[in-house]
Amino acid sequence: MSETVALCAIDDLASGTARRFDVSGHRIALVRIDDAFYAVDDECSHEDYSLSEGEVWAAECEIECPRHGSMFDLRSGEPCSLPATQPVAVYEVRLEDGTVAVVLP
């Protein structure tokens, strides 16, 4: 059974930035690009390192792991560059009443 959890107000996150949230046992990197929001596991699949501390590549819709430079597609979670070879989990994002929420499995 899935659970929808509010993370922050829409205006709390500037475009081109990421922020970490710890909710219900999940470590989530929430990323905003213009008016779109993406949520992925905040843990590089190559090594346990926070993706939310990495650079957001808005034009490519990717986030870069600050540790070894692996890039991840924010839409699919798929790695776009080495050394990561495994995807990170993605979460459905819902915008409701000025709030950004994620659907947890």
Protein backbone atom coordinates (compact mmCIF):
# COMPACT_ATOMS: atom_id res chain seq x y z
CA MET A 1 0.00 0.00 0.00
CA SER A 2 1.47 3.34 -1.04
CA GLU A 3 1.63 6.45 1.09
CA THR A 4 1.70 10.09 -0.04
CA VAL A 5 3.98 12.27 2.08
CA ALA A 6 4.28 16.07 1.88
CA LEU A 7 7.89 17.27 1.66
CA CYS A 8 7.79 21.06 1.36
CA ALA A 9 6.03 24.04 -0.15
CA ILE A 10 6.52 24.49 -3.90
CA ASP A 11 8.30 27.81 -3.33
CA ASP A 12 10.75 26.29 -0.80
CA LEU A 13 12.92 24.87 -3.59
CA ALA A 14 14.49 27.07 -6.27
CA SER A 15 14.77 25.87 -9.85
CA GLY A 16 18.02 24.05 -10.55
CA THR A 17 18.50 22.90 -6.97
CA ALA A 18 18.14 19.70 -4.97
CA ARG A 19 17.29 19.08 -1.33
CA ARG A 20 17.40 15.97 0.85
CA PHE A 21 14.39 14.70 2.79
CA ASP A 22 14.27 11.76 5.19
CA VAL A 23 10.73 10.39 5.34
CA SER A 24 9.30 7.05 6.44
CA GLY A 25 12.66 5.29 6.16
CA HIS A 26 13.40 6.72 2.69
CA ARG A 27 16.22 9.14 1.86
CA ILE A 28 14.92 11.25 -1.03
CA ALA A 29 16.56 13.87 -3.23
CA LEU A 30 13.92 16.30 -4.44
CA VAL A 31 14.98 18.29 -7.50
CA ARG A 32 13.27 21.24 -9.14
CA ILE A 33 13.82 22.21 -12.77
CA ASP A 34 11.63 25.17 -13.72
CA ASP A 35 8.11 24.10 -12.69
CA ALA A 36 8.84 20.37 -12.72
CA PHE A 37 9.82 18.35 -9.65
CA TYR A 38 11.64 15.01 -9.56
CA ALA A 39 12.29 12.67 -6.65
CA VAL A 40 14.96 9.97 -6.61
CA ASP A 41 16.79 7.98 -3.94
CA ASP A 42 19.33 10.29 -2.34
CA GLU A 43 22.02 7.64 -2.54
CA CYS A 44 24.30 7.03 -5.49
CA SER A 45 24.01 3.42 -6.65
CA HIS A 46 27.80 3.25 -7.06
CA GLU A 47 28.70 4.31 -3.53
CA ASP A 48 26.67 5.54 -0.57
CA TYR A 49 26.88 9.25 -1.28
CA SER A 50 24.20 11.96 -1.25
CA LEU A 51 22.97 12.93 -4.72
CA SER A 52 21.23 16.02 -3.33
CA GLU A 53 24.69 17.51 -2.72
CA GLY A 54 25.53 17.17 -6.43
CA GLU A 55 25.03 19.52 -9.33
CA VAL A 56 21.70 19.61 -11.16
CA TRP A 57 22.01 19.64 -14.96
CA ALA A 58 18.69 21.23 -15.91
CA ALA A 59 18.99 21.00 -19.72
CA GLU A 60 19.78 17.26 -19.49
CA CYS A 61 17.32 16.61 -16.61
CA GLU A 62 20.12 14.90 -14.69
CA ILE A 63 21.84 15.07 -11.32
CA GLU A 64 25.55 14.46 -10.79
CA CYS A 65 26.95 12.54 -7.86
CA PRO A 66 29.52 14.83 -6.23
CA ARG A 67 31.73 11.89 -5.20
CA HIS A 68 32.71 10.26 -8.51
CA GLY A 69 30.73 12.19 -11.13
CA SER A 70 28.11 9.62 -12.11
CA MET A 71 25.11 11.24 -13.76
CA PHE A 72 21.54 10.01 -13.24
CA ASP A 73 18.44 10.74 -15.34
CA LEU A 74 15.89 12.31 -12.99
CA ARG A 75 12.96 10.88 -14.97
CA SER A 76 14.04 7.23 -14.99
CA GLY A 77 16.78 6.95 -12.36
CA GLU A 78 19.04 5.34 -14.96
CA PRO A 79 22.77 6.07 -14.78
CA CYS A 80 24.01 8.17 -17.72
CA SER A 81 27.73 7.79 -16.98
CA LEU A 82 30.19 5.58 -15.15
CA PRO A 83 31.18 4.52 -12.57
CA ALA A 84 27.51 3.90 -11.63
CA THR A 85 25.88 1.03 -13.53
CA GLN A 86 22.69 0.53 -11.51
CA PRO A 87 19.68 2.89 -11.46
CA VAL A 88 18.39 4.74 -8.42
CA ALA A 89 14.74 4.51 -7.44
CA VAL A 90 12.38 7.22 -8.65
CA TYR A 91 9.26 8.37 -6.83
CA GLU A 92 6.03 9.81 -8.17
CA VAL A 93 5.74 13.52 -7.32
CA ARG A 94 2.42 15.23 -6.73
CA LEU A 95 1.80 18.96 -6.46
CA GLU A 96 -1.20 19.61 -4.22
CA ASP A 97 -2.36 22.94 -2.76
CA GLY A 98 1.07 24.56 -3.08
CA THR A 99 2.83 21.56 -1.56
CA VAL A 100 5.25 19.04 -3.09
CA ALA A 101 4.49 15.46 -2.07
CA VAL A 102 5.93 12.07 -3.01
CA VAL A 103 4.25 8.70 -3.24
CA LEU A 104 6.16 6.10 -1.25
CA PRO A 105 5.85 2.38 -2.03
